[in-house]
């Protein structure tokens, strides 16, 4: 399918209706189109499709109608003109880097983003891109690191894993001094709570595997922005072959139907859990932007709405063994990576999401061996609080390796 498509018409409804059947009605769900290729009626139809005159399809790597439906849904959620969906969150981030960075350019990254960016940064450096890492807690000092050849500032707010808050509008003003592009990973906040494009970001990326999908059963990434950006990113996706499969796109579209309900419940549960943890002995360095004493609360209250998401971070005891013992004793909260799902998930970032980094880099910006990241799900709140309490009181014996 040609990337010269008609501009996406913004709708407040995140679930575009499926196409009409020949009989004038429509299915309640978008059909899963598994076709890799499509037969052309004639050469004129082929020309119209490739020239972008009609909304047609030629080959799955170019486009797919099931994938296109979920792209429009995510674009509506992010108040974007359009969206490109791909195979994973890191594929989305890498597509952004490959599309907008050039050899000799400069990329500013915050330490407080998903650890796999470290691996990608090593590849970018081999390709001639200069990379600088900054602590998200020091975002106000960013002008010291911006250079004339800075091409992009990539950030996540709240950040992964320590839930630090960065002022998106302020970063955009800093970036405009050198015409740098601002890219915001909105996976933690989700479009239910935050719209980075309206705050000044040029692009928004998601690991759609997380809250947008919400059920631990699909992997996908998304990039939302302008129609012009869609065309550029479509070109990259088509070239490198990172188009999402139709079945995963269907699962993602299904997840979007309950996304607002899940996001609301997770935020309500998370705030209550965070307030409870703040009173628990043995818990320290608790970070959740919804707490009024959190360092980033004032900014979060200004740029987030309807709550503050479902993710928090805190330290358990004094050693990693203390954190392991706590997690091993949990019964309702699951010990697993990922986040944003219906189930509450907990992990030790030092051993999981940041394993990609050298040990000294894992602790340079506040992550400790006993730091844990908790993604609160939709379970009954009483069950979650009771589980935390009994795990904190668990005896030292019975630690799982």
Protein backbone atom coordinates (compact mmCIF):
# COMPACT_ATOMS: atom_id res chain seq x y z
CA UNK A 1 0.00 0.00 0.00
CA UNK A 2 1.34 3.42 -0.85
CA UNK A 3 2.45 5.56 2.05
CA UNK A 4 0.82 8.55 0.38
CA UNK A 5 -2.45 7.90 2.22
CA UNK A 6 -5.25 10.31 2.96
CA UNK A 7 -4.76 12.13 6.31
CA UNK A 8 -6.33 10.41 9.27
CA UNK A 9 -9.51 12.15 10.36
CA UNK A 10 -9.30 12.51 14.14
CA UNK A 11 -12.15 10.98 16.08
CA UNK A 12 -12.69 10.99 19.81
CA UNK A 13 -13.78 7.36 19.50
CA UNK A 14 -10.80 4.97 19.73
CA UNK A 15 -12.59 2.07 18.03
CA UNK A 16 -13.17 2.81 14.33
CA UNK A 17 -16.02 0.78 12.87
CA UNK A 18 -15.22 -2.13 10.59
CA UNK A 19 -15.92 -1.66 6.85
CA UNK A 20 -19.46 -2.21 5.61
CA UNK A 21 -20.30 -5.55 4.03
CA UNK A 22 -21.83 -5.65 0.52
CA UNK A 23 -25.22 -5.92 2.29
CA UNK A 24 -24.89 -2.61 4.09
CA UNK A 25 -24.19 -3.90 7.61
CA UNK A 26 -20.86 -4.29 9.37
CA UNK A 27 -19.18 -6.79 11.72
CA UNK A 28 -18.81 -5.80 15.35
CA UNK A 29 -15.07 -6.60 15.24
CA UNK A 30 -12.52 -5.86 12.55
CA UNK A 31 -11.91 -9.02 10.51
CA UNK A 32 -8.51 -10.66 10.87
CA UNK A 33 -7.00 -10.51 7.39
CA UNK A 34 -4.16 -13.03 7.23
CA UNK A 35 -3.47 -12.46 3.54
CA UNK A 36 0.17 -11.74 2.69
CA UNK A 37 -0.64 -10.53 -0.81
CA UNK A 38 -3.65 -9.41 -2.84
CA UNK A 39 -4.81 -10.12 -6.39
CA UNK A 40 -5.18 -7.04 -8.58
CA UNK A 41 -8.40 -6.63 -10.53
CA UNK A 42 -6.43 -4.95 -13.33
CA UNK A 43 -3.38 -2.75 -13.89
CA UNK A 44 -5.40 0.42 -13.35
CA UNK A 45 -6.33 -0.73 -9.84
CA UNK A 46 -2.65 -1.49 -9.18
CA UNK A 47 -1.75 2.04 -10.26
CA UNK A 48 -4.45 3.61 -8.09
CA UNK A 49 -3.27 1.67 -5.02
CA UNK A 50 0.43 2.39 -5.47
CA UNK A 51 -0.25 6.05 -6.24
CA UNK A 52 -2.39 6.38 -3.11
CA UNK A 53 -5.56 7.28 -4.98
CA UNK A 54 -7.54 4.47 -3.33
CA UNK A 55 -7.27 2.80 0.05
CA UNK A 56 -6.05 -0.59 -1.13
CA UNK A 57 -3.52 -3.24 -0.17
CA UNK A 58 -0.77 -5.08 -2.01
CA UNK A 59 1.56 -6.88 0.42
CA UNK A 60 1.54 -7.37 4.21
CA UNK A 61 4.90 -5.73 4.78
CA UNK A 62 3.42 -2.58 3.26
CA UNK A 63 0.11 -2.61 5.13
CA UNK A 64 -2.72 -4.75 6.40
CA UNK A 65 -6.37 -3.77 7.01
CA UNK A 66 -6.46 -5.28 10.52
CA UNK A 67 -3.27 -3.46 11.46
CA UNK A 68 -4.55 -0.25 9.92
CA UNK A 69 -7.69 -0.39 12.07
CA UNK A 70 -5.73 -0.56 15.32
CA UNK A 71 -3.42 2.23 14.14
CA UNK A 72 -6.41 4.52 13.77
CA UNK A 73 -7.62 3.53 17.22
CA UNK A 74 -4.32 4.40 18.91
CA UNK A 75 -4.06 7.64 16.94
CA UNK A 76 -7.47 8.65 18.29
CA UNK A 77 -6.41 7.84 21.87
CA UNK A 78 -3.24 9.96 21.51
CA UNK A 79 -5.04 12.80 19.71
CA UNK A 80 -2.63 12.25 16.82
CA UNK A 81 -3.15 12.56 13.09
CA UNK A 82 -1.95 9.02 12.53
CA UNK A 83 -0.04 6.10 13.99
CA UNK A 84 2.35 3.37 12.87
CA UNK A 85 2.14 0.01 14.63
CA UNK A 86 5.03 -2.47 14.58
CA UNK A 87 6.27 -5.68 16.18
CA UNK A 88 7.41 -4.44 19.62
CA UNK A 89 8.01 -1.37 21.74
CA UNK A 90 11.74 -1.49 21.06
CA UNK A 91 11.07 -1.88 17.35
CA UNK A 92 9.05 1.33 17.56
CA UNK A 93 11.87 3.16 19.35
CA UNK A 94 14.47 1.83 16.91
CA UNK A 95 12.34 2.88 13.95
CA UNK A 96 12.24 6.41 15.37
CA UNK A 97 16.03 6.47 15.74
CA UNK A 98 16.62 5.11 12.22
CA UNK A 99 14.15 7.55 10.69
CA UNK A 100 15.32 10.81 12.28
CA UNK A 101 18.96 10.42 13.37
CA UNK A 102 21.93 10.91 11.08
CA UNK A 103 25.65 10.16 11.37
CA UNK A 104 27.33 13.08 13.12
CA UNK A 105 24.17 13.91 15.03
CA UNK A 106 23.65 13.91 18.77
CA UNK A 107 21.03 11.98 20.76
CA UNK A 108 20.09 12.86 24.33
CA UNK A 109 18.68 9.99 26.39
CA UNK A 110 17.60 9.87 29.99
CA UNK A 111 18.99 7.03 32.05
CA UNK A 112 15.43 6.50 33.25
CA UNK A 113 14.08 4.71 30.19
CA UNK A 114 13.74 1.03 29.44
CA UNK A 115 17.12 -0.67 29.74
CA UNK A 116 17.17 -2.10 26.19
CA UNK A 117 17.81 1.41 24.86
CA UNK A 118 21.37 0.95 26.11
CA UNK A 119 21.91 -1.83 23.57
CA UNK A 120 20.38 0.24 20.79
CA UNK A 121 22.59 3.19 21.77
CA UNK A 122 25.68 1.04 21.20
CA UNK A 123 24.45 0.28 17.68
CA UNK A 124 23.73 3.97 17.03
CA UNK A 125 27.23 4.90 18.17
CA UNK A 126 28.67 2.42 15.68
CA UNK A 127 26.64 4.22 13.02
CA UNK A 128 28.16 7.57 13.94
CA UNK A 129 25.55 9.00 16.31
CA UNK A 130 26.85 10.64 19.49
CA UNK A 131 24.86 9.65 22.59
CA UNK A 132 24.63 11.44 25.94
CA UNK A 133 22.83 10.01 28.99
CA UNK A 134 21.24 12.28 31.61
CA UNK A 135 19.47 11.55 34.90
CA UNK A 136 15.75 12.37 34.61
CA UNK A 137 15.91 13.90 38.09
CA UNK A 138 18.21 16.54 36.56
CA UNK A 139 16.01 17.38 33.57
CA UNK A 140 16.21 21.10 34.37
CA UNK A 141 19.96 20.93 33.71
CA UNK A 142 19.39 19.58 30.22
CA UNK A 143 20.55 22.80 28.44
CA UNK A 144 24.07 21.99 29.65
CA UNK A 145 24.00 18.87 27.49
CA UNK A 146 22.21 20.19 24.40
CA UNK A 147 24.59 20.88 21.52
CA UNK A 148 24.18 22.55 18.13
CA UNK A 149 24.06 19.11 16.48
CA UNK A 150 21.55 17.60 18.93
CA UNK A 151 18.91 15.97 16.74
CA UNK A 152 16.68 14.26 19.29
CA UNK A 153 15.75 14.20 22.98
CA UNK A 154 14.12 10.93 24.01
CA UNK A 155 12.40 10.71 27.38
CA UNK A 156 9.87 8.72 29.38
CA UNK A 157 7.61 10.26 32.00
CA UNK A 158 6.85 8.82 34.47
CA UNK A 159 10.17 7.09 33.90
CA UNK A 160 11.10 3.43 33.86
CA UNK A 161 11.66 2.11 36.47
CA UNK A 162 11.82 4.88 39.10
CA UNK A 163 8.73 6.85 38.05
CA UNK A 164 10.54 10.20 37.87
CA UNK A 165 8.55 13.00 36.26
CA UNK A 166 9.85 15.21 33.45
CA UNK A 167 8.21 18.43 32.26
CA UNK A 168 7.46 17.74 28.58
CA UNK A 169 6.58 21.35 27.68
CA UNK A 170 9.81 22.62 29.23
CA UNK A 171 11.86 20.02 27.34
CA UNK A 172 10.23 21.12 24.09
CA UNK A 173 11.29 24.72 24.69
CA UNK A 174 14.86 23.56 25.31
CA UNK A 175 14.82 21.42 22.17
CA UNK A 176 13.53 24.24 19.98
CA UNK A 177 16.78 26.15 20.53
CA UNK A 178 18.55 23.70 18.22
CA UNK A 179 15.51 22.39 16.34
CA UNK A 180 15.79 18.98 18.00
CA UNK A 181 12.95 16.47 17.94
CA UNK A 182 11.27 15.54 21.25
CA UNK A 183 10.10 11.93 21.53
CA UNK A 184 8.13 10.76 24.58
CA UNK A 185 7.59 7.17 25.62
CA UNK A 186 4.06 7.23 27.02
CA UNK A 187 3.93 3.55 28.06
CA UNK A 188 3.84 4.21 31.82
CA UNK A 189 1.41 7.14 31.69
CA UNK A 190 -0.78 5.79 28.86
CA UNK A 191 -3.02 8.09 26.78
CA UNK A 192 -5.70 7.75 29.44
CA UNK A 193 -3.62 9.97 31.72
CA UNK A 194 -1.31 11.95 29.43
CA UNK A 195 -1.19 13.34 25.89
CA UNK A 196 2.45 14.25 25.14
CA UNK A 197 1.66 15.65 21.69
CA UNK A 198 -0.54 18.33 23.26
CA UNK A 199 2.30 19.13 25.69
CA UNK A 200 4.84 19.71 22.92
CA UNK A 201 6.23 16.30 21.95
CA UNK A 202 6.82 15.67 18.26
CA UNK A 203 6.23 11.92 18.56
CA UNK A 204 4.79 9.50 21.10
CA UNK A 205 5.92 5.88 21.32
CA UNK A 206 4.38 2.94 23.15
CA UNK A 207 5.16 -0.59 24.05
CA UNK A 208 1.61 -1.60 23.16
CA UNK A 209 2.45 -4.94 24.76
CA UNK A 210 1.70 -3.22 28.06
CA UNK A 211 -1.44 -1.30 29.04
CA UNK A 212 -2.85 -0.85 25.54
CA UNK A 213 -2.97 -4.61 25.04
CA UNK A 214 -3.32 -5.29 28.74
CA UNK A 215 -3.55 -9.09 28.88
CA UNK A 216 0.01 -10.46 28.55
CA UNK A 217 -0.87 -12.11 25.24
CA UNK A 218 0.59 -9.92 22.50
CA UNK A 219 3.71 -7.96 21.61
CA UNK A 220 3.50 -4.71 19.65
CA UNK A 221 4.84 -1.18 19.43
CA UNK A 222 3.23 2.07 18.30
CA UNK A 223 4.37 5.53 17.17
CA UNK A 224 1.82 8.35 17.01
CA UNK A 225 2.30 11.76 15.44
CA UNK A 226 1.56 13.86 12.40
CA UNK A 227 0.60 12.63 8.95
CA UNK A 228 4.03 13.72 7.71
CA UNK A 229 5.71 11.65 10.42
CA UNK A 230 3.47 8.71 9.59
CA UNK A 231 4.70 8.76 5.99
CA UNK A 232 8.36 8.81 7.07
CA UNK A 233 7.92 6.07 9.65
CA UNK A 234 5.86 3.96 7.26
CA UNK A 235 8.80 4.10 4.84
CA UNK A 236 11.17 2.80 7.55
CA UNK A 237 8.79 0.05 8.63
CA UNK A 238 8.21 -1.09 5.08
CA UNK A 239 11.94 -1.10 4.41
CA UNK A 240 13.01 -3.12 7.46
CA UNK A 241 9.94 -5.35 7.63
CA UNK A 242 8.67 -4.71 11.16
CA UNK A 243 4.94 -4.71 10.34
CA UNK A 244 2.77 -6.33 13.02
CA UNK A 245 0.95 -9.57 12.18
CA UNK A 246 -2.83 -9.41 11.78
CA UNK A 247 -3.67 -11.69 14.71
CA UNK A 248 -1.67 -9.61 17.19
CA UNK A 249 -3.28 -6.47 15.77
CA UNK A 250 -6.71 -8.00 16.42
CA UNK A 251 -5.77 -8.81 20.02
CA UNK A 252 -4.49 -5.25 20.44
CA UNK A 253 -7.69 -3.77 19.05
CA UNK A 254 -9.66 -5.92 21.49
CA UNK A 255 -7.49 -4.63 24.33
CA UNK A 256 -8.22 -1.04 23.36
CA UNK A 257 -11.95 -1.64 23.92
CA UNK A 258 -11.43 -2.12 27.66
CA UNK A 259 -8.35 0.07 27.99
CA UNK A 260 -10.07 3.11 29.60
CA UNK A 261 -11.80 0.91 32.18
CA UNK A 262 -8.57 -0.90 33.04
CA UNK A 263 -6.53 2.31 33.18
CA UNK A 264 -9.00 3.94 35.55
CA UNK A 265 -9.06 0.94 37.90
CA UNK A 266 -5.27 0.51 37.86
CA UNK A 267 -4.72 4.16 38.75
CA UNK A 268 -7.24 4.00 41.60
CA UNK A 269 -5.65 0.82 42.97
CA UNK A 270 -2.12 2.17 42.54
CA UNK A 271 -2.77 5.35 44.49
CA UNK A 272 -4.25 3.36 47.36
CA UNK A 273 -1.37 0.86 47.30
CA UNK A 274 1.20 3.68 47.25
CA UNK A 275 -0.43 5.39 50.24
CA UNK A 276 -0.43 2.06 52.07
CA UNK A 277 3.23 1.35 51.27
CA UNK A 278 4.19 4.80 52.55
CA UNK A 279 3.11 3.65 56.00
CA UNK A 280 4.76 0.21 55.88
CA UNK A 281 7.95 -0.49 57.87
CA UNK A 282 10.79 -1.69 55.70
CA UNK A 283 9.68 0.29 52.62
CA UNK A 284 11.80 3.27 51.54
CA UNK A 285 12.46 5.49 48.52
CA UNK A 286 8.85 5.10 47.39
CA UNK A 287 8.17 6.84 44.09
CA UNK A 288 4.68 7.34 42.70
CA UNK A 289 3.72 10.65 41.07
CA UNK A 290 0.27 10.56 42.63
CA UNK A 291 1.67 11.00 46.13
CA UNK A 292 1.70 14.67 47.15
CA UNK A 293 5.19 14.37 48.66
CA UNK A 294 6.63 12.81 45.50
CA UNK A 295 9.34 14.97 43.90
CA UNK A 296 7.50 15.02 40.58
CA UNK A 297 3.95 15.43 41.85
CA UNK A 298 3.54 19.10 40.91
CA UNK A 299 4.60 18.48 37.32
CA UNK A 300 2.61 15.27 37.08
CA UNK A 301 -0.51 17.00 38.42
CA UNK A 302 -0.14 19.59 35.67
CA UNK A 303 0.50 17.30 32.70
CA UNK A 304 -1.40 14.16 33.73
CA UNK A 305 -5.15 13.81 34.22
CA UNK A 306 -7.62 11.32 35.67
CA UNK A 307 -4.97 9.82 37.92
CA UNK A 308 -1.29 8.98 37.75
CA UNK A 309 -1.03 5.51 36.24
CA UNK A 310 -0.49 2.11 37.74
CA UNK A 311 3.31 1.92 38.20
CA UNK A 312 5.46 2.66 41.23
CA UNK A 313 8.95 1.88 42.54
CA UNK A 314 10.30 1.40 46.05
CA UNK A 315 13.08 -0.27 48.00
CA UNK A 316 12.45 -3.24 50.26
CA UNK A 317 14.63 -3.60 53.35
CA UNK A 318 18.34 -3.01 52.97
CA UNK A 319 19.56 -5.81 50.71
CA UNK A 320 18.54 -7.63 47.58
CA UNK A 321 17.81 -10.67 49.73
CA UNK A 322 15.17 -8.60 51.53
CA UNK A 323 13.54 -7.71 48.22
CA UNK A 324 13.72 -11.33 47.03
CA UNK A 325 12.15 -12.56 50.26
CA UNK A 326 9.29 -10.06 49.94
CA UNK A 327 8.57 -10.97 46.31
CA UNK A 328 8.81 -14.70 46.99
CA UNK A 329 6.16 -14.41 49.71
CA UNK A 330 3.61 -12.62 47.51
CA UNK A 331 0.60 -14.68 46.46
CA UNK A 332 -1.75 -12.34 44.60
CA UNK A 333 0.91 -10.11 43.01
CA UNK A 334 2.87 -12.05 40.36
CA UNK A 335 6.66 -12.07 40.03
CA UNK A 336 7.10 -11.27 36.33
CA UNK A 337 8.44 -8.62 34.00
CA UNK A 338 6.20 -6.38 31.88
CA UNK A 339 3.53 -4.05 33.20
CA UNK A 340 0.13 -2.54 32.54
CA UNK A 341 -1.70 -5.87 32.58
CA UNK A 342 -4.84 -6.95 34.38
CA UNK A 343 -2.63 -8.82 36.85
CA UNK A 344 -0.38 -6.98 39.31
CA UNK A 345 3.25 -7.67 38.40
CA UNK A 346 6.43 -7.04 40.39
CA UNK A 347 10.13 -7.42 39.59
CA UNK A 348 13.60 -6.32 40.65
CA UNK A 349 14.85 -4.10 37.77
CA UNK A 350 18.50 -4.72 38.72
CA UNK A 351 17.96 -8.38 37.81
CA UNK A 352 15.51 -8.02 34.92
CA UNK A 353 14.64 -4.91 32.92
CA UNK A 354 18.09 -3.34 33.44
CA UNK A 355 20.09 -6.51 32.98
CA UNK A 356 21.17 -5.13 29.61
CA UNK A 357 23.29 -2.49 31.35
CA UNK A 358 26.66 -2.86 33.10
CA UNK A 359 26.16 -3.12 36.90
CA UNK A 360 27.60 0.34 37.56
CA UNK A 361 25.11 1.92 35.13
CA UNK A 362 22.17 0.22 36.83
CA UNK A 363 22.84 2.09 40.07
CA UNK A 364 24.11 5.40 38.66
CA UNK A 365 20.71 7.11 38.71
CA UNK A 366 19.02 5.63 41.76
CA UNK A 367 18.21 1.99 41.04
CA UNK A 368 19.48 -0.19 43.88
CA UNK A 369 19.85 -3.97 44.10
CA UNK A 370 16.80 -4.01 46.41
CA UNK A 371 14.65 -1.65 44.33
CA UNK A 372 11.43 -3.15 43.01
CA UNK A 373 8.98 -2.02 40.34
CA UNK A 374 5.30 -2.73 40.94
CA UNK A 375 2.66 -2.57 38.21
CA UNK A 376 -0.73 -2.58 39.90
CA UNK A 377 -3.53 -4.47 38.19
CA UNK A 378 -7.29 -4.59 38.49
CA UNK A 379 -7.62 -7.07 41.37
CA UNK A 380 -9.77 -6.20 44.41
CA UNK A 381 -7.84 -3.59 46.39
CA UNK A 382 -8.27 -5.46 49.66
CA UNK A 383 -6.57 -8.51 48.19
CA UNK A 384 -3.57 -6.45 47.10
CA UNK A 385 -3.11 -4.71 50.44
CA UNK A 386 -3.47 -7.96 52.37
CA UNK A 387 -0.91 -9.63 50.09
CA UNK A 388 1.62 -6.84 50.65
CA UNK A 389 1.15 -6.98 54.41
CA UNK A 390 1.58 -10.72 54.71
CA UNK A 391 4.63 -10.69 52.42
CA UNK A 392 6.34 -8.00 54.49
CA UNK A 393 5.81 -10.15 57.59
CA UNK A 394 7.01 -13.37 55.94
CA UNK A 395 9.76 -15.24 57.82
CA UNK A 396 13.27 -15.36 56.45
CA UNK A 397 13.08 -19.05 55.57
CA UNK A 398 11.68 -20.29 52.27
CA UNK A 399 13.39 -17.82 49.96
CA UNK A 400 13.12 -18.92 46.35
CA UNK A 401 16.33 -18.42 44.35
